[in-house]
Amino acid sequence: MRRLSGVVMLVTTGVMSVSFVVAREQRPLRLEALTVPPQRLPRGCRLATGPGFVGYPGVTKNPWIGTDATAATIRRVVDGSLHRSDRLSEVPAHSRDSEGVIGAYRAVYVPTKGSPIDVFAVRFTDPKLTVPASLSRLGNPARRVIVKGSTAIVVVPGSGGDCVRAVTDHIASLE
């Protein structure tokens, strides 16, 4: 039995209130576990591969796990302050965005029909650092934000139907 301790936070912004729990878990989520095993993906859904896979600067494979300057870029995506249209090369190598980051994850799934599904995650030194990601869903309801202890995961669903469900269900099932 795993013991969780946490704090309930209430954030009020004008007309809307949001509450969520930031929990500490004894065993941190391994970023490798975010990758959906091929047998759990529906027919026609797979990790993007080959020359058609376009990653962020520094992302050379799919899935990618790392701690370098690319992790700071991924944190900005997870926190909601960086969008696909932003110029990614403008993120400095040693920015404050890398503070408190243990590691980052990036994966792209492609369905046979529909647009790609992007997965971004950051594992932090402190669960409180997941708060910006939790709040980012207020301004962008298309983002699916899942927080597991000190790890914040964002799924940008594209239009993959069953593929999106398989990816989000897998991530939500992790403990």
C-alpha atoms as a PDB file:
ATOM      1  CA  MET A   1       0.000   0.000   0.000  1.00  0.00           C
ATOM      2  CA  ARG A   2       1.454   3.328  -1.028  1.00  0.00           C
ATOM      3  CA  ARG A   3       1.038   6.289   1.298  1.00  0.00           C
ATOM      4  CA  LEU A   4       0.165   9.656  -0.148  1.00  0.00           C
ATOM      5  CA  SER A   5       0.303  12.985   1.574  1.00  0.00           C
ATOM      6  CA  GLY A   6      -0.636  16.245   0.013  1.00  0.00           C
ATOM      7  CA  VAL A   7      -2.313  19.565   0.244  1.00  0.00           C
ATOM      8  CA  VAL A   8      -5.612  20.622  -1.269  1.00  0.00           C
ATOM      9  CA  MET A   9      -5.335  23.915  -3.090  1.00  0.00           C
ATOM     10  CA  LEU A  10      -8.152  26.235  -4.114  1.00  0.00           C
ATOM     11  CA  VAL A  11      -7.439  28.805  -6.768  1.00  0.00           C
ATOM     12  CA  THR A  12      -9.962  31.510  -7.566  1.00  0.00           C
ATOM     13  CA  THR A  13      -9.705  33.508 -10.766  1.00  0.00           C
ATOM     14  CA  GLY A  14     -12.493  36.029 -11.123  1.00  0.00           C
ATOM     15  CA  VAL A  15     -15.575  33.963 -11.900  1.00  0.00           C
ATOM     16  CA  MET A  16     -14.080  30.481 -11.848  1.00  0.00           C
ATOM     17  CA  SER A  17     -12.669  28.391  -9.001  1.00  0.00           C
ATOM     18  CA  VAL A  18     -10.571  25.293  -9.448  1.00  0.00           C
ATOM     19  CA  SER A  19      -9.475  22.888  -6.779  1.00  0.00           C
ATOM     20  CA  PHE A  20      -7.005  20.080  -7.081  1.00  0.00           C
ATOM     21  CA  VAL A  21      -4.744  17.974  -4.920  1.00  0.00           C
ATOM     22  CA  VAL A  22      -0.995  18.099  -5.171  1.00  0.00           C
ATOM     23  CA  ALA A  23       0.189  14.805  -3.732  1.00  0.00           C
ATOM     24  CA  ARG A  24       3.570  13.405  -2.844  1.00  0.00           C
ATOM     25  CA  GLU A  25       4.110   9.827  -3.740  1.00  0.00           C
ATOM     26  CA  GLN A  26       6.706   7.523  -2.259  1.00  0.00           C
ATOM     27  CA  ARG A  27       7.740   6.064  -5.610  1.00  0.00           C
ATOM     28  CA  PRO A  28       8.078   8.684  -8.340  1.00  0.00           C
ATOM     29  CA  LEU A  29       6.627   7.882 -11.738  1.00  0.00           C
ATOM     30  CA  ARG A  30       9.272   6.613 -14.145  1.00  0.00           C
ATOM     31  CA  LEU A  31       9.109   8.646 -17.355  1.00  0.00           C
ATOM     32  CA  GLU A  32       9.752   5.477 -19.391  1.00  0.00           C
ATOM     33  CA  ALA A  33       6.403   4.151 -18.153  1.00  0.00           C
ATOM     34  CA  LEU A  34       4.557   6.880 -20.086  1.00  0.00           C
ATOM     35  CA  THR A  35       5.216   5.106 -23.394  1.00  0.00           C
ATOM     36  CA  VAL A  36       2.179   3.032 -24.337  1.00  0.00           C
ATOM     37  CA  PRO A  37       3.144  -0.604 -25.010  1.00  0.00           C
ATOM     38  CA  PRO A  38       2.376  -1.459 -28.678  1.00  0.00           C
ATOM     39  CA  GLN A  39      -0.118  -4.172 -27.656  1.00  0.00           C
ATOM     40  CA  ARG A  40      -2.211  -1.542 -25.824  1.00  0.00           C
ATOM     41  CA  LEU A  41      -2.499   0.693 -28.891  1.00  0.00           C
ATOM     42  CA  PRO A  42      -5.487   0.250 -31.212  1.00  0.00           C
ATOM     43  CA  ARG A  43      -4.993  -0.871 -34.766  1.00  0.00           C
ATOM     44  CA  GLY A  44      -3.502   1.925 -36.865  1.00  0.00           C
ATOM     45  CA  CYS A  45      -2.041   3.854 -33.902  1.00  0.00           C
ATOM     46  CA  ARG A  46       1.720   3.883 -33.377  1.00  0.00           C
ATOM     47  CA  LEU A  47       4.670   5.963 -32.263  1.00  0.00           C
ATOM     48  CA  ALA A  48       5.791   8.246 -35.080  1.00  0.00           C
ATOM     49  CA  THR A  49       8.998   7.035 -36.720  1.00  0.00           C
ATOM     50  CA  GLY A  50      11.347   7.764 -39.586  1.00  0.00           C
ATOM     51  CA  PRO A  51      11.828  10.963 -41.531  1.00  0.00           C
ATOM     52  CA  GLY A  52       8.190  11.969 -40.948  1.00  0.00           C
ATOM     53  CA  PHE A  53       8.862  12.360 -37.224  1.00  0.00           C
ATOM     54  CA  VAL A  54       9.604  15.979 -36.415  1.00  0.00           C
ATOM     55  CA  GLY A  55      10.708  16.575 -32.863  1.00  0.00           C
ATOM     56  CA  TYR A  56      11.637  19.689 -30.991  1.00  0.00           C
ATOM     57  CA  PRO A  57      15.241  20.883 -31.107  1.00  0.00           C
ATOM     58  CA  GLY A  58      17.284  18.298 -29.216  1.00  0.00           C
ATOM     59  CA  VAL A  59      14.616  15.607 -29.591  1.00  0.00           C
ATOM     60  CA  THR A  60      16.262  12.986 -31.753  1.00  0.00           C
ATOM     61  CA  LYS A  61      14.155   9.912 -31.060  1.00  0.00           C
ATOM     62  CA  ASN A  62      10.583   9.024 -30.220  1.00  0.00           C
ATOM     63  CA  PRO A  63       9.982   8.745 -27.334  1.00  0.00           C
ATOM     64  CA  TRP A  64      12.646  11.077 -25.971  1.00  0.00           C
ATOM     65  CA  ILE A  65      13.700  11.271 -22.315  1.00  0.00           C
ATOM     66  CA  GLY A  66      16.331  13.695 -21.126  1.00  0.00           C
ATOM     67  CA  THR A  67      17.549  16.419 -18.824  1.00  0.00           C
ATOM     68  CA  ASP A  68      19.342  18.862 -21.123  1.00  0.00           C
ATOM     69  CA  ALA A  69      18.159  22.252 -22.413  1.00  0.00           C
ATOM     70  CA  THR A  70      15.338  20.489 -24.261  1.00  0.00           C
ATOM     71  CA  ALA A  71      13.848  19.624 -20.860  1.00  0.00           C
ATOM     72  CA  ALA A  72      13.430  23.367 -20.199  1.00  0.00           C
ATOM     73  CA  THR A  73      11.556  23.724 -23.496  1.00  0.00           C
ATOM     74  CA  ILE A  74       9.287  20.821 -22.627  1.00  0.00           C
ATOM     75  CA  ARG A  75       8.623  22.358 -19.211  1.00  0.00           C
ATOM     76  CA  ARG A  76       7.382  25.519 -20.940  1.00  0.00           C
ATOM     77  CA  VAL A  77       4.980  23.382 -23.001  1.00  0.00           C
ATOM     78  CA  VAL A  78       3.752  21.553 -19.880  1.00  0.00           C
ATOM     79  CA  ASP A  79       3.344  24.801 -17.922  1.00  0.00           C
ATOM     80  CA  GLY A  80       1.304  26.238 -20.798  1.00  0.00           C
ATOM     81  CA  SER A  81       3.675  29.109 -21.578  1.00  0.00           C
ATOM     82  CA  LEU A  82       4.976  27.700 -24.882  1.00  0.00           C
ATOM     83  CA  HIS A  83       2.828  26.765 -27.828  1.00  0.00           C
ATOM     84  CA  ARG A  84       3.563  24.939 -31.087  1.00  0.00           C
ATOM     85  CA  SER A  85       3.765  28.239 -32.979  1.00  0.00           C
ATOM     86  CA  ASP A  86       6.488  29.682 -30.689  1.00  0.00           C
ATOM     87  CA  ARG A  87      10.095  29.744 -31.862  1.00  0.00           C
ATOM     88  CA  LEU A  88      11.672  26.957 -29.864  1.00  0.00           C
ATOM     89  CA  SER A  89      15.241  27.945 -30.613  1.00  0.00           C
ATOM     90  CA  GLU A  90      14.779  31.060 -28.461  1.00  0.00           C
ATOM     91  CA  VAL A  91      14.851  29.061 -25.202  1.00  0.00           C
ATOM     92  CA  PRO A  92      18.261  29.640 -23.582  1.00  0.00           C
ATOM     93  CA  ALA A  93      20.267  26.545 -22.667  1.00  0.00           C
ATOM     94  CA  HIS A  94      20.432  27.452 -18.965  1.00  0.00           C
ATOM     95  CA  SER A  95      17.119  29.118 -18.361  1.00  0.00           C
ATOM     96  CA  ARG A  96      15.183  29.216 -15.116  1.00  0.00           C
ATOM     97  CA  ASP A  97      12.771  26.813 -16.808  1.00  0.00           C
ATOM     98  CA  SER A  98      15.229  24.010 -16.052  1.00  0.00           C
ATOM     99  CA  GLU A  99      15.196  24.718 -12.301  1.00  0.00           C
ATOM    100  CA  GLY A 100      13.463  21.970 -10.360  1.00  0.00           C
ATOM    101  CA  VAL A 101      13.320  19.646 -13.391  1.00  0.00           C
ATOM    102  CA  ILE A 102      14.578  16.099 -12.837  1.00  0.00           C
ATOM    103  CA  GLY A 103      13.731  14.908 -16.345  1.00  0.00           C
ATOM    104  CA  ALA A 104      11.450  15.431 -19.314  1.00  0.00           C
ATOM    105  CA  TYR A 105       9.606  13.231 -21.794  1.00  0.00           C
ATOM    106  CA  ARG A 106       8.329  13.792 -25.328  1.00  0.00           C
ATOM    107  CA  ALA A 107       6.460  11.372 -27.601  1.00  0.00           C
ATOM    108  CA  VAL A 108       4.330  11.601 -30.721  1.00  0.00           C
ATOM    109  CA  TYR A 109       1.733   9.004 -31.711  1.00  0.00           C
ATOM    110  CA  VAL A 110       0.179   8.905 -35.152  1.00  0.00           C
ATOM    111  CA  PRO A 111      -3.198   7.396 -35.974  1.00  0.00           C
ATOM    112  CA  THR A 112      -3.984   6.055 -39.443  1.00  0.00           C
ATOM    113  CA  LYS A 113      -6.636   8.770 -39.769  1.00  0.00           C
ATOM    114  CA  GLY A 114      -6.380  12.058 -37.945  1.00  0.00           C
ATOM    115  CA  SER A 115      -3.614  14.303 -36.693  1.00  0.00           C
ATOM    116  CA  PRO A 116      -0.710  13.414 -34.370  1.00  0.00           C
ATOM    117  CA  ILE A 117      -1.094  13.072 -30.611  1.00  0.00           C
ATOM    118  CA  ASP A 118       1.649  14.862 -28.665  1.00  0.00           C
ATOM    119  CA  VAL A 119       2.716  13.832 -25.165  1.00  0.00           C
ATOM    120  CA  PHE A 120       4.907  16.075 -23.014  1.00  0.00           C
ATOM    121  CA  ALA A 121       5.906  15.388 -19.415  1.00  0.00           C
ATOM    122  CA  VAL A 122       8.177  16.820 -16.761  1.00  0.00           C
ATOM    123  CA  ARG A 123       9.217  15.189 -13.518  1.00  0.00           C
ATOM    124  CA  PHE A 124       9.931  17.821 -10.889  1.00  0.00           C
ATOM    125  CA  THR A 125      11.868  17.861  -7.635  1.00  0.00           C
ATOM    126  CA  ASP A 126       8.747  19.062  -5.810  1.00  0.00           C
ATOM    127  CA  PRO A 127       5.072  18.240  -6.501  1.00  0.00           C
ATOM    128  CA  LYS A 128       4.169  21.923  -5.999  1.00  0.00           C
ATOM    129  CA  LEU A 129       5.921  22.685  -9.293  1.00  0.00           C
ATOM    130  CA  THR A 130       3.078  20.872 -11.112  1.00  0.00           C
ATOM    131  CA  VAL A 131       0.616  23.661 -10.214  1.00  0.00           C
ATOM    132  CA  PRO A 132       1.210  25.770 -13.385  1.00  0.00           C
ATOM    133  CA  ALA A 133       0.480  22.711 -15.543  1.00  0.00           C
ATOM    134  CA  SER A 134      -2.712  22.031 -13.599  1.00  0.00           C
ATOM    135  CA  LEU A 135      -3.836  25.618 -14.086  1.00  0.00           C
ATOM    136  CA  SER A 136      -2.883  25.661 -17.797  1.00  0.00           C
ATOM    137  CA  ARG A 137      -5.979  23.636 -18.658  1.00  0.00           C
ATOM    138  CA  LEU A 138      -8.128  26.655 -17.747  1.00  0.00           C
ATOM    139  CA  GLY A 139      -6.895  28.583 -20.769  1.00  0.00           C
ATOM    140  CA  ASN A 140      -6.718  25.626 -23.139  1.00  0.00           C
ATOM    141  CA  PRO A 141      -9.459  23.022 -22.702  1.00  0.00           C
ATOM    142  CA  ALA A 142      -8.072  20.914 -25.583  1.00  0.00           C
ATOM    143  CA  ARG A 143      -5.016  20.028 -23.478  1.00  0.00           C
ATOM    144  CA  ARG A 144      -5.383  16.980 -21.290  1.00  0.00           C
ATOM    145  CA  VAL A 145      -3.331  17.514 -18.152  1.00  0.00           C
ATOM    146  CA  ILE A 146      -2.592  14.563 -15.888  1.00  0.00           C
ATOM    147  CA  VAL A 147      -0.600  15.059 -12.691  1.00  0.00           C
ATOM    148  CA  LYS A 148       0.952  12.029 -11.015  1.00  0.00           C
ATOM    149  CA  GLY A 149       2.819  13.062  -7.862  1.00  0.00           C
ATOM    150  CA  SER A 150       5.728  15.234  -8.978  1.00  0.00           C
ATOM    151  CA  THR A 151       5.172  14.533 -12.687  1.00  0.00           C
ATOM    152  CA  ALA A 152       2.975  16.713 -14.904  1.00  0.00           C
ATOM    153  CA  ILE A 153       1.884  15.192 -18.212  1.00  0.00           C
ATOM    154  CA  VAL A 154       0.177  17.027 -21.069  1.00  0.00           C
ATOM    155  CA  VAL A 155      -1.527  15.230 -23.947  1.00  0.00           C
ATOM    156  CA  VAL A 156      -2.372  17.383 -26.958  1.00  0.00           C
ATOM    157  CA  PRO A 157      -4.959  15.130 -28.556  1.00  0.00           C
ATOM    158  CA  GLY A 158      -4.960  15.974 -32.243  1.00  0.00           C
ATOM    159  CA  SER A 159      -7.862  14.108 -33.837  1.00  0.00           C
ATOM    160  CA  GLY A 160      -6.969  10.474 -33.280  1.00  0.00           C
ATOM    161  CA  GLY A 161     -10.118   9.160 -31.525  1.00  0.00           C
ATOM    162  CA  ASP A 162      -9.257   5.638 -30.288  1.00  0.00           C
ATOM    163  CA  CYS A 163      -5.545   6.432 -30.375  1.00  0.00           C
ATOM    164  CA  VAL A 164      -6.010   9.439 -28.056  1.00  0.00           C
ATOM    165  CA  ARG A 165      -8.121   7.333 -25.684  1.00  0.00           C
ATOM    166  CA  ALA A 166      -5.493   4.580 -25.570  1.00  0.00           C
ATOM    167  CA  VAL A 167      -2.700   7.056 -24.793  1.00  0.00           C
ATOM    168  CA  THR A 168      -4.613   8.978 -22.106  1.00  0.00           C
ATOM    169  CA  ASP A 169      -6.063   5.799 -20.549  1.00  0.00           C
ATOM    170  CA  HIS A 170      -2.592   4.273 -20.308  1.00  0.00           C
ATOM    171  CA  ILE A 171      -1.115   7.375 -18.677  1.00  0.00           C
ATOM    172  CA  ALA A 172      -4.057   7.764 -16.287  1.00  0.00           C
ATOM    173  CA  SER A 173      -3.685   4.113 -15.204  1.00  0.00           C
ATOM    174  CA  LEU A 174      -0.070   4.509 -14.091  1.00  0.00           C
ATOM    175  CA  GLU A 175       0.692   4.549 -10.402  1.00  0.00           C
END
